[in-house]
Structures are given as C-alpha cells and as structure tokens.
PDB file of N, CA and C in Angstrom:
ATOM      1  N   UNK A   1      64.100 -59.792   3.874  1.00  0.00           N
ATOM      2  CA  UNK A   1      62.724 -60.777   3.832  1.00  0.00           C
ATOM      3  C   UNK A   1      62.543 -60.800   5.552  1.00  0.00           C
ATOM      4  N   UNK A   2      63.216 -61.007   6.263  1.00  0.00           N
ATOM      5  CA  UNK A   2      63.203 -60.884   7.792  1.00  0.00           C
ATOM      6  C   UNK A   2      62.617 -59.997   8.433  1.00  0.00           C
ATOM      7  N   UNK A   3      62.863 -58.750   8.210  1.00  0.00           N
ATOM      8  CA  UNK A   3      62.442 -57.277   8.425  1.00  0.00           C
ATOM      9  C   UNK A   3      61.036 -57.143   8.242  1.00  0.00           C
ATOM     10  N   UNK A   4      60.729 -57.790   7.094  1.00  0.00           N
ATOM     11  CA  UNK A   4      59.224 -57.461   6.347  1.00  0.00           C
ATOM     12  C   UNK A   4      58.426 -58.379   7.282  1.00  0.00           C
ATOM     13  N   UNK A   5      58.885 -59.727   7.505  1.00  0.00           N
ATOM     14  CA  UNK A   5      58.340 -60.734   8.107  1.00  0.00           C
ATOM     15  C   UNK A   5      57.655 -60.143   9.756  1.00  0.00           C
ATOM     16  N   UNK A   6      58.740 -59.617  10.455  1.00  0.00           N
ATOM     17  CA  UNK A   6      58.245 -58.845  11.561  1.00  0.00           C
ATOM     18  C   UNK A   6      57.620 -57.611  11.145  1.00  0.00           C
ATOM     19  N   UNK A   7      57.488 -57.048  10.395  1.00  0.00           N
ATOM     20  CA  UNK A   7      56.763 -56.067  10.351  1.00  0.00           C
ATOM     21  C   UNK A   7      55.193 -56.299  10.144  1.00  0.00           C
ATOM     22  N   UNK A   8      55.285 -57.721   9.558  1.00  0.00           N
ATOM     23  CA  UNK A   8      53.775 -58.346   9.229  1.00  0.00           C
ATOM     24  C   UNK A   8      53.299 -58.824  10.594  1.00  0.00           C
ATOM     25  N   UNK A   9      54.288 -59.629  11.544  1.00  0.00           N
ATOM     26  CA  UNK A   9      53.651 -59.848  12.687  1.00  0.00           C
ATOM     27  C   UNK A   9      53.430 -58.978  13.600  1.00  0.00           C
ATOM     28  N   UNK A  10      53.870 -57.747  13.461  1.00  0.00           N
ATOM     29  CA  UNK A  10      53.516 -56.489  14.924  1.00  0.00           C
ATOM     30  C   UNK A  10      52.135 -55.804  14.151  1.00  0.00           C
ATOM     31  N   UNK A  11      52.049 -55.808  12.489  1.00  0.00           N
ATOM     32  CA  UNK A  11      50.957 -55.150  12.356  1.00  0.00           C
ATOM     33  C   UNK A  11      49.727 -56.086  12.593  1.00  0.00           C
ATOM     34  N   UNK A  12      49.662 -57.461  12.462  1.00  0.00           N
ATOM     35  CA  UNK A  12      48.636 -58.465  12.790  1.00  0.00           C
ATOM     36  C   UNK A  12      48.469 -58.456  14.289  1.00  0.00           C
ATOM     37  N   UNK A  13      49.467 -58.450  15.160  1.00  0.00           N
ATOM     38  CA  UNK A  13      49.174 -58.152  16.393  1.00  0.00           C
ATOM     39  C   UNK A  13      48.168 -57.172  16.894  1.00  0.00           C
ATOM     40  N   UNK A  14      48.429 -55.797  16.197  1.00  0.00           N
ATOM     41  CA  UNK A  14      48.024 -54.523  16.091  1.00  0.00           C
ATOM     42  C   UNK A  14      46.336 -54.706  16.460  1.00  0.00           C
ATOM     43  N   UNK A  15      46.407 -55.514  14.977  1.00  0.00           N
ATOM     44  CA  UNK A  15      44.913 -55.388  14.079  1.00  0.00           C
ATOM     45  C   UNK A  15      44.109 -56.584  15.282  1.00  0.00           C
ATOM     46  N   UNK A  16      44.880 -57.314  15.691  1.00  0.00           N
ATOM     47  CA  UNK A  16      43.992 -58.527  16.552  1.00  0.00           C
ATOM     48  C   UNK A  16      43.825 -57.925  18.368  1.00  0.00           C
ATOM     49  N   UNK A  17      44.377 -56.657  18.292  1.00  0.00           N
ATOM     50  CA  UNK A  17      43.725 -56.044  19.580  1.00  0.00           C
ATOM     51  C   UNK A  17      43.072 -55.255  19.060  1.00  0.00           C
ATOM     52  N   UNK A  18      42.756 -54.546  18.006  1.00  0.00           N
ATOM     53  CA  UNK A  18      41.989 -53.573  17.731  1.00  0.00           C
ATOM     54  C   UNK A  18      40.289 -54.346  17.135  1.00  0.00           C
ATOM     55  N   UNK A  19      40.521 -55.794  17.013  1.00  0.00           N
ATOM     56  CA  UNK A  19      39.383 -56.452  16.337  1.00  0.00           C
ATOM     57  C   UNK A  19      38.296 -56.726  17.431  1.00  0.00           C
ATOM     58  N   UNK A  20      38.298 -56.171  18.505  1.00  0.00           N
ATOM     59  CA  UNK A  20      37.448 -56.316  20.008  1.00  0.00           C
ATOM     60  C   UNK A  20      36.649 -55.125  19.671  1.00  0.00           C
ATOM     61  N   UNK A  21      35.382 -54.486  19.661  1.00  0.00           N
ATOM     62  CA  UNK A  21      34.584 -53.622  19.678  1.00  0.00           C
ATOM     63  C   UNK A  21      34.634 -52.762  20.503  1.00  0.00           C
ATOM     64  N   UNK A  22      35.156 -53.563  21.622  1.00  0.00           N
ATOM     65  CA  UNK A  22      35.187 -52.141  22.899  1.00  0.00           C
ATOM     66  C   UNK A  22      36.411 -51.574  22.657  1.00  0.00           C
ATOM     67  N   UNK A  23      37.818 -52.459  22.095  1.00  0.00           N
ATOM     68  CA  UNK A  23      39.212 -51.598  22.559  1.00  0.00           C
ATOM     69  C   UNK A  23      38.979 -50.715  20.854  1.00  0.00           C
ATOM     70  N   UNK A  24      38.203 -51.522  19.604  1.00  0.00           N
ATOM     71  CA  UNK A  24      38.255 -50.441  18.493  1.00  0.00           C
ATOM     72  C   UNK A  24      37.565 -48.659  19.338  1.00  0.00           C
ATOM     73  N   UNK A  25      36.561 -48.988  19.976  1.00  0.00           N
ATOM     74  CA  UNK A  25      35.767 -47.935  20.675  1.00  0.00           C
ATOM     75  C   UNK A  25      36.846 -47.058  21.470  1.00  0.00           C
ATOM     76  N   UNK A  26      37.504 -47.571  22.304  1.00  0.00           N
ATOM     77  CA  UNK A  26      38.503 -47.033  23.026  1.00  0.00           C
ATOM     78  C   UNK A  26      39.255 -46.181  22.251  1.00  0.00           C
ATOM     79  N   UNK A  27      39.811 -46.846  21.322  1.00  0.00           N
ATOM     80  CA  UNK A  27      40.848 -46.066  20.506  1.00  0.00           C
ATOM     81  C   UNK A  27      40.425 -45.061  19.558  1.00  0.00           C
ATOM     82  N   UNK A  28      39.014 -45.249  19.209  1.00  0.00           N
ATOM     83  CA  UNK A  28      38.311 -43.974  18.275  1.00  0.00           C
ATOM     84  C   UNK A  28      38.331 -42.877  19.454  1.00  0.00           C
ATOM     85  N   UNK A  29      37.603 -43.030  20.636  1.00  0.00           N
ATOM     86  CA  UNK A  29      37.772 -41.975  21.048  1.00  0.00           C
ATOM     87  C   UNK A  29      39.043 -41.338  21.874  1.00  0.00           C
ATOM     88  N   UNK A  30      39.981 -42.204  22.115  1.00  0.00           N
ATOM     89  CA  UNK A  30      41.542 -41.486  22.099  1.00  0.00           C
ATOM     90  C   UNK A  30      41.446 -40.790  20.647  1.00  0.00           C
ATOM     91  N   UNK A  31      41.124 -40.634  19.622  1.00  0.00           N
ATOM     92  CA  UNK A  31      41.577 -40.031  18.467  1.00  0.00           C
ATOM     93  C   UNK A  31      41.040 -38.567  18.921  1.00  0.00           C
ATOM     94  N   UNK A  32      40.265 -38.193  19.862  1.00  0.00           N
ATOM     95  CA  UNK A  32      39.857 -36.918  19.849  1.00  0.00           C
ATOM     96  C   UNK A  32      40.244 -36.445  21.263  1.00  0.00           C
ATOM     97  N   UNK A  33      40.256 -37.259  22.153  1.00  0.00           N
ATOM     98  CA  UNK A  33      41.202 -36.592  23.325  1.00  0.00           C
ATOM     99  C   UNK A  33      41.406 -37.464  24.226  1.00  0.00           C
ATOM    100  N   UNK A  34      42.091 -37.090  25.331  1.00  0.00           N
ATOM    101  CA  UNK A  34      42.719 -38.145  26.709  1.00  0.00           C
ATOM    102  C   UNK A  34      41.806 -38.537  27.473  1.00  0.00           C
ATOM    103  N   UNK A  35      41.535 -39.522  27.808  1.00  0.00           N
ATOM    104  CA  UNK A  35      40.548 -40.003  28.999  1.00  0.00           C
ATOM    105  C   UNK A  35      40.973 -41.098  30.098  1.00  0.00           C
ATOM    106  N   UNK A  36      40.410 -40.507  31.177  1.00  0.00           N
ATOM    107  CA  UNK A  36      40.736 -41.341  32.126  1.00  0.00           C
ATOM    108  C   UNK A  36      39.644 -42.540  32.119  1.00  0.00           C
ATOM    109  N   UNK A  37      39.713 -43.573  33.279  1.00  0.00           N
ATOM    110  CA  UNK A  37      39.202 -44.961  32.914  1.00  0.00           C
ATOM    111  C   UNK A  37      37.705 -44.043  33.338  1.00  0.00           C
ATOM    112  N   UNK A  38      37.489 -43.526  34.110  1.00  0.00           N
ATOM    113  CA  UNK A  38      35.813 -42.766  34.539  1.00  0.00           C
ATOM    114  C   UNK A  38      35.007 -42.280  33.240  1.00  0.00           C
ATOM    115  N   UNK A  39      36.012 -41.688  32.461  1.00  0.00           N
ATOM    116  CA  UNK A  39      35.463 -40.986  31.644  1.00  0.00           C
ATOM    117  C   UNK A  39      35.132 -42.038  30.072  1.00  0.00           C
ATOM    118  N   UNK A  40      35.758 -43.092  30.287  1.00  0.00           N
ATOM    119  CA  UNK A  40      35.476 -44.020  29.054  1.00  0.00           C
ATOM    120  C   UNK A  40      34.494 -44.912  30.065  1.00  0.00           C
ATOM    121  N   UNK A  41      33.978 -44.988  31.271  1.00  0.00           N
ATOM    122  CA  UNK A  41      33.420 -46.000  31.529  1.00  0.00           C
ATOM    123  C   UNK A  41      31.986 -45.184  31.283  1.00  0.00           C
ATOM    124  N   UNK A  42      32.166 -43.803  31.394  1.00  0.00           N
ATOM    125  CA  UNK A  42      30.347 -43.401  30.895  1.00  0.00           C
ATOM    126  C   UNK A  42      29.979 -43.479  29.895  1.00  0.00           C
ATOM    127  N   UNK A  43      30.774 -43.418  28.830  1.00  0.00           N
ATOM    128  CA  UNK A  43      30.544 -43.605  27.393  1.00  0.00           C
ATOM    129  C   UNK A  43      30.569 -45.062  26.836  1.00  0.00           C
ATOM    130  N   UNK A  44      31.073 -45.772  27.726  1.00  0.00           N
ATOM    131  CA  UNK A  44      31.302 -47.186  27.070  1.00  0.00           C
ATOM    132  C   UNK A  44      30.145 -48.060  27.889  1.00  0.00           C
ATOM    133  N   UNK A  45      29.936 -47.832  28.786  1.00  0.00           N
ATOM    134  CA  UNK A  45      28.785 -48.808  29.538  1.00  0.00           C
ATOM    135  C   UNK A  45      29.336 -50.031  30.196  1.00  0.00           C
ATOM    136  N   UNK A  46      30.448 -50.156  30.530  1.00  0.00           N
ATOM    137  CA  UNK A  46      31.084 -51.129  30.980  1.00  0.00           C
ATOM    138  C   UNK A  46      32.212 -50.818  32.527  1.00  0.00           C
ATOM    139  N   UNK A  47      32.101 -51.760  33.145  1.00  0.00           N
ATOM    140  CA  UNK A  47      32.790 -51.752  34.551  1.00  0.00           C
ATOM    141  C   UNK A  47      34.177 -51.063  34.188  1.00  0.00           C
ATOM    142  N   UNK A  48      34.367 -50.629  35.257  1.00  0.00           N
ATOM    143  CA  UNK A  48      35.781 -49.944  35.516  1.00  0.00           C
ATOM    144  C   UNK A  48      36.999 -51.308  35.381  1.00  0.00           C
ATOM    145  N   UNK A  49      36.857 -52.350  35.780  1.00  0.00           N
ATOM    146  CA  UNK A  49      37.565 -53.599  35.660  1.00  0.00           C
ATOM    147  C   UNK A  49      37.515 -53.928  34.296  1.00  0.00           C
ATOM    148  N   UNK A  50      36.488 -53.875  33.731  1.00  0.00           N
ATOM    149  CA  UNK A  50      36.362 -54.475  32.035  1.00  0.00           C
ATOM    150  C   UNK A  50      37.274 -53.687  31.165  1.00  0.00           C
ATOM    151  N   UNK A  51      37.414 -52.444  31.347  1.00  0.00           N
ATOM    152  CA  UNK A  51      37.602 -51.314  30.504  1.00  0.00           C
ATOM    153  C   UNK A  51      39.456 -51.688  30.980  1.00  0.00           C
ATOM    154  N   UNK A  52      39.483 -51.878  32.009  1.00  0.00           N
ATOM    155  CA  UNK A  52      40.835 -51.850  32.744  1.00  0.00           C
ATOM    156  C   UNK A  52      41.538 -52.952  31.422  1.00  0.00           C
ATOM    157  N   UNK A  53      41.005 -54.172  31.567  1.00  0.00           N
ATOM    158  CA  UNK A  53      41.435 -54.851  30.819  1.00  0.00           C
ATOM    159  C   UNK A  53      41.734 -54.887  29.511  1.00  0.00           C
ATOM    160  N   UNK A  54      40.837 -53.954  28.956  1.00  0.00           N
ATOM    161  CA  UNK A  54      41.065 -53.602  27.500  1.00  0.00           C
ATOM    162  C   UNK A  54      41.907 -52.669  27.539  1.00  0.00           C
ATOM    163  N   UNK A  55      42.228 -51.786  28.238  1.00  0.00           N
ATOM    164  CA  UNK A  55      43.504 -51.161  28.514  1.00  0.00           C
ATOM    165  C   UNK A  55      44.708 -51.668  28.202  1.00  0.00           C
ATOM    166  N   UNK A  56      44.677 -52.691  29.338  1.00  0.00           N
ATOM    167  CA  UNK A  56      45.918 -53.114  29.229  1.00  0.00           C
ATOM    168  C   UNK A  56      46.301 -54.162  28.165  1.00  0.00           C
ATOM    169  N   UNK A  57      45.682 -54.698  27.312  1.00  0.00           N
ATOM    170  CA  UNK A  57      45.618 -55.652  25.786  1.00  0.00           C
ATOM    171  C   UNK A  57      46.382 -53.896  25.118  1.00  0.00           C
ATOM    172  N   UNK A  58      45.644 -52.808  24.794  1.00  0.00           N
ATOM    173  CA  UNK A  58      46.202 -51.817  23.980  1.00  0.00           C
ATOM    174  C   UNK A  58      47.380 -51.449  24.626  1.00  0.00           C
ATOM    175  N   UNK A  59      47.777 -51.173  25.678  1.00  0.00           N
ATOM    176  CA  UNK A  59      48.885 -50.580  25.925  1.00  0.00           C
ATOM    177  C   UNK A  59      50.082 -51.777  25.983  1.00  0.00           C
ATOM    178  N   UNK A  60      49.871 -52.998  26.007  1.00  0.00           N
ATOM    179  CA  UNK A  60      50.928 -53.915  25.682  1.00  0.00           C
ATOM    180  C   UNK A  60      51.355 -54.271  24.446  1.00  0.00           C
ATOM    181  N   UNK A  61      50.069 -53.904  23.396  1.00  0.00           N
ATOM    182  CA  UNK A  61      50.718 -53.695  21.783  1.00  0.00           C
ATOM    183  C   UNK A  61      51.160 -52.321  21.497  1.00  0.00           C
ATOM    184  N   UNK A  62      51.663 -51.266  22.334  1.00  0.00           N
ATOM    185  CA  UNK A  62      51.812 -49.968  21.931  1.00  0.00           C
ATOM    186  C   UNK A  62      51.127 -49.233  21.358  1.00  0.00           C
ATOM    187  N   UNK A  63      49.781 -49.311  21.727  1.00  0.00           N
ATOM    188  CA  UNK A  63      48.624 -48.319  20.781  1.00  0.00           C
ATOM    189  C   UNK A  63      48.388 -47.404  21.667  1.00  0.00           C
ATOM    190  N   UNK A  64      48.123 -47.501  22.696  1.00  0.00           N
ATOM    191  CA  UNK A  64      47.797 -46.152  23.971  1.00  0.00           C
ATOM    192  C   UNK A  64      48.825 -46.390  24.950  1.00  0.00           C
ATOM    193  N   UNK A  65      49.179 -45.180  25.762  1.00  0.00           N
ATOM    194  CA  UNK A  65      49.814 -45.067  26.509  1.00  0.00           C
ATOM    195  C   UNK A  65      49.309 -44.367  28.131  1.00  0.00           C
ATOM    196  N   UNK A  66      49.720 -44.764  29.072  1.00  0.00           N
ATOM    197  CA  UNK A  66      48.974 -43.770  30.016  1.00  0.00           C
ATOM    198  C   UNK A  66      49.931 -43.166  31.037  1.00  0.00           C
ATOM    199  N   UNK A  67      49.534 -41.812  31.599  1.00  0.00           N
ATOM    200  CA  UNK A  67      50.111 -40.789  32.150  1.00  0.00           C
ATOM    201  C   UNK A  67      49.745 -40.887  33.466  1.00  0.00           C
ATOM    202  N   UNK A  68      50.175 -41.185  34.628  1.00  0.00           N
ATOM    203  CA  UNK A  68      50.083 -40.721  35.513  1.00  0.00           C
ATOM    204  C   UNK A  68      50.133 -39.337  36.060  1.00  0.00           C
ATOM    205  N   UNK A  69      48.890 -38.888  36.650  1.00  0.00           N
ATOM    206  CA  UNK A  69      48.715 -37.744  37.127  1.00  0.00           C
ATOM    207  C   UNK A  69      47.905 -37.484  38.329  1.00  0.00           C
ATOM    208  N   UNK A  70      48.657 -37.396  39.790  1.00  0.00           N
ATOM    209  CA  UNK A  70      48.260 -37.876  41.175  1.00  0.00           C
ATOM    210  C   UNK A  70      47.735 -39.349  41.352  1.00  0.00           C
ATOM    211  N   UNK A  71      46.376 -39.419  41.447  1.00  0.00           N
ATOM    212  CA  UNK A  71      45.814 -40.708  41.801  1.00  0.00           C
ATOM    213  C   UNK A  71      45.239 -41.448  40.314  1.00  0.00           C
ATOM    214  N   UNK A  72      45.209 -40.415  39.273  1.00  0.00           N
ATOM    215  CA  UNK A  72      44.403 -41.252  38.266  1.00  0.00           C
ATOM    216  C   UNK A  72      45.330 -41.286  37.029  1.00  0.00           C
ATOM    217  N   UNK A  73      44.916 -42.191  35.728  1.00  0.00           N
ATOM    218  CA  UNK A  73      45.638 -42.097  34.694  1.00  0.00           C
ATOM    219  C   UNK A  73      45.276 -41.878  33.771  1.00  0.00           C
ATOM    220  N   UNK A  74      45.934 -41.088  32.694  1.00  0.00           N
ATOM    221  CA  UNK A  74      45.211 -40.254  31.680  1.00  0.00           C
ATOM    222  C   UNK A  74      45.580 -41.031  30.705  1.00  0.00           C
ATOM    223  N   UNK A  75      44.734 -41.604  29.572  1.00  0.00           N
ATOM    224  CA  UNK A  75      45.243 -42.426  28.524  1.00  0.00           C
ATOM    225  C   UNK A  75      44.885 -41.728  27.109  1.00  0.00           C
ATOM    226  N   UNK A  76      46.232 -42.000  26.291  1.00  0.00           N
ATOM    227  CA  UNK A  76      46.246 -41.409  24.902  1.00  0.00           C
ATOM    228  C   UNK A  76      46.891 -42.335  24.140  1.00  0.00           C
ATOM    229  N   UNK A  77      46.738 -41.700  22.474  1.00  0.00           N
ATOM    230  CA  UNK A  77      47.705 -42.622  21.797  1.00  0.00           C
ATOM    231  C   UNK A  77      48.963 -42.733  22.193  1.00  0.00           C
ATOM    232  N   UNK A  78      49.460 -43.897  21.991  1.00  0.00           N
ATOM    233  CA  UNK A  78      50.989 -43.883  22.008  1.00  0.00           C
ATOM    234  C   UNK A  78      51.559 -43.887  20.411  1.00  0.00           C
ATOM    235  N   UNK A  79      50.573 -44.333  19.620  1.00  0.00           N
ATOM    236  CA  UNK A  79      50.851 -44.861  18.266  1.00  0.00           C
ATOM    237  C   UNK A  79      50.079 -43.886  17.390  1.00  0.00           C
ATOM    238  N   UNK A  80      50.719 -42.685  16.803  1.00  0.00           N
ATOM    239  CA  UNK A  80      49.505 -41.818  15.905  1.00  0.00           C
ATOM    240  C   UNK A  80      49.085 -42.269  14.957  1.00  0.00           C
ATOM    241  N   UNK A  81      49.402 -43.532  14.099  1.00  0.00           N
ATOM    242  CA  UNK A  81      49.131 -44.139  13.050  1.00  0.00           C
ATOM    243  C   UNK A  81      47.526 -44.317  13.100  1.00  0.00           C
ATOM    244  N   UNK A  82      47.587 -44.927  14.649  1.00  0.00           N
ATOM    245  CA  UNK A  82      46.183 -45.391  14.864  1.00  0.00           C
ATOM    246  C   UNK A  82      45.365 -44.580  14.491  1.00  0.00           C
ATOM    247  N   UNK A  83      45.282 -42.823  14.965  1.00  0.00           N
ATOM    248  CA  UNK A  83      44.192 -41.944  14.473  1.00  0.00           C
ATOM    249  C   UNK A  83      44.097 -42.138  12.923  1.00  0.00           C
ATOM    250  N   UNK A  84      44.615 -42.235  12.306  1.00  0.00           N
ATOM    251  CA  UNK A  84      44.530 -42.267  11.002  1.00  0.00           C
ATOM    252  C   UNK A  84      43.811 -43.605  10.428  1.00  0.00           C
ATOM    253  N   UNK A  85      44.091 -44.935  11.161  1.00  0.00           N
ATOM    254  CA  UNK A  85      43.535 -45.811  10.560  1.00  0.00           C
ATOM    255  C   UNK A  85      42.366 -45.972  10.887  1.00  0.00           C
ATOM    256  N   UNK A  86      41.829 -45.779  12.525  1.00  0.00           N
ATOM    257  CA  UNK A  86      40.474 -45.639  12.958  1.00  0.00           C
ATOM    258  C   UNK A  86      39.751 -44.535  12.160  1.00  0.00           C
ATOM    259  N   UNK A  87      40.151 -43.508  12.030  1.00  0.00           N
ATOM    260  CA  UNK A  87      39.332 -42.455  11.193  1.00  0.00           C
ATOM    261  C   UNK A  87      38.770 -42.867   9.999  1.00  0.00           C
ATOM    262  N   UNK A  88      39.814 -43.535   9.399  1.00  0.00           N
ATOM    263  CA  UNK A  88      39.753 -43.999   7.922  1.00  0.00           C
ATOM    264  C   UNK A  88      38.384 -44.912   8.011  1.00  0.00           C
ATOM    265  N   UNK A  89      38.737 -45.936   8.752  1.00  0.00           N
ATOM    266  CA  UNK A  89      37.363 -46.866   8.913  1.00  0.00           C
ATOM    267  C   UNK A  89      36.161 -46.676   9.584  1.00  0.00           C
ATOM    268  N   UNK A  90      35.950 -45.385  10.553  1.00  0.00           N
ATOM    269  CA  UNK A  90      34.927 -45.282  11.512  1.00  0.00           C
ATOM    270  C   UNK A  90      34.340 -43.892  11.178  1.00  0.00           C
ATOM    271  N   UNK A  91      35.465 -43.062  10.237  1.00  0.00           N
ATOM    272  CA  UNK A  91      34.478 -42.175  10.512  1.00  0.00           C
ATOM    273  C   UNK A  91      34.256 -41.273   8.950  1.00  0.00           C
ATOM    274  N   UNK A  92      34.666 -42.410   8.186  1.00  0.00           N
ATOM    275  CA  UNK A  92      34.790 -42.382   6.963  1.00  0.00           C
ATOM    276  C   UNK A  92      35.596 -41.309   5.961  1.00  0.00           C
TER     277      UNK A  92
END
C-alpha cells in the first residue's frame, strides 16, 4: 500500500508540472523533436528566461532532460510515457 501511495504522489507531481499551458506545450513539442531554448522561444513567444524557468520545473520532475552540446543545451523527453500521455490528450 505504501508503494502505491508513493506512485500516486509521483503521478500527482507530474500532473502538476504539466498543468501549466507553457509546460504542456513544451512537452508536446518535444514529443516530435529535440529542441534548444531558442527553438522553443520562436514557437512559444516567450522570453528565454521564462522558458528556462519552465524547463527547470519539467527537469526536476524527470519529464525532460537536457544534453549539453558545445554551448547549447538540447532538450528531449526523459520519460517516454509523456509522449503517449500528451498525444492522447492533445493530438486525439
């Protein structure tokens, strides 16, 4: 029972992280391709610092990961379950 409660808590934290439209948009974009912050900025019409704040939240919950290549960080899904979840809700 304690293990199930832990799973519920983890799932709740993931849903909280996805509850902001910008973060949900970021995860949705990352279901199709890996992106850097500049590429996200072009699509989201947000400042780079604002996007970085959202990325930090998504990374802290284990939803996405960043890989440094030279001076840039390329973001991708760390949890492949997110692809199915987001596609189910947003892409029908």
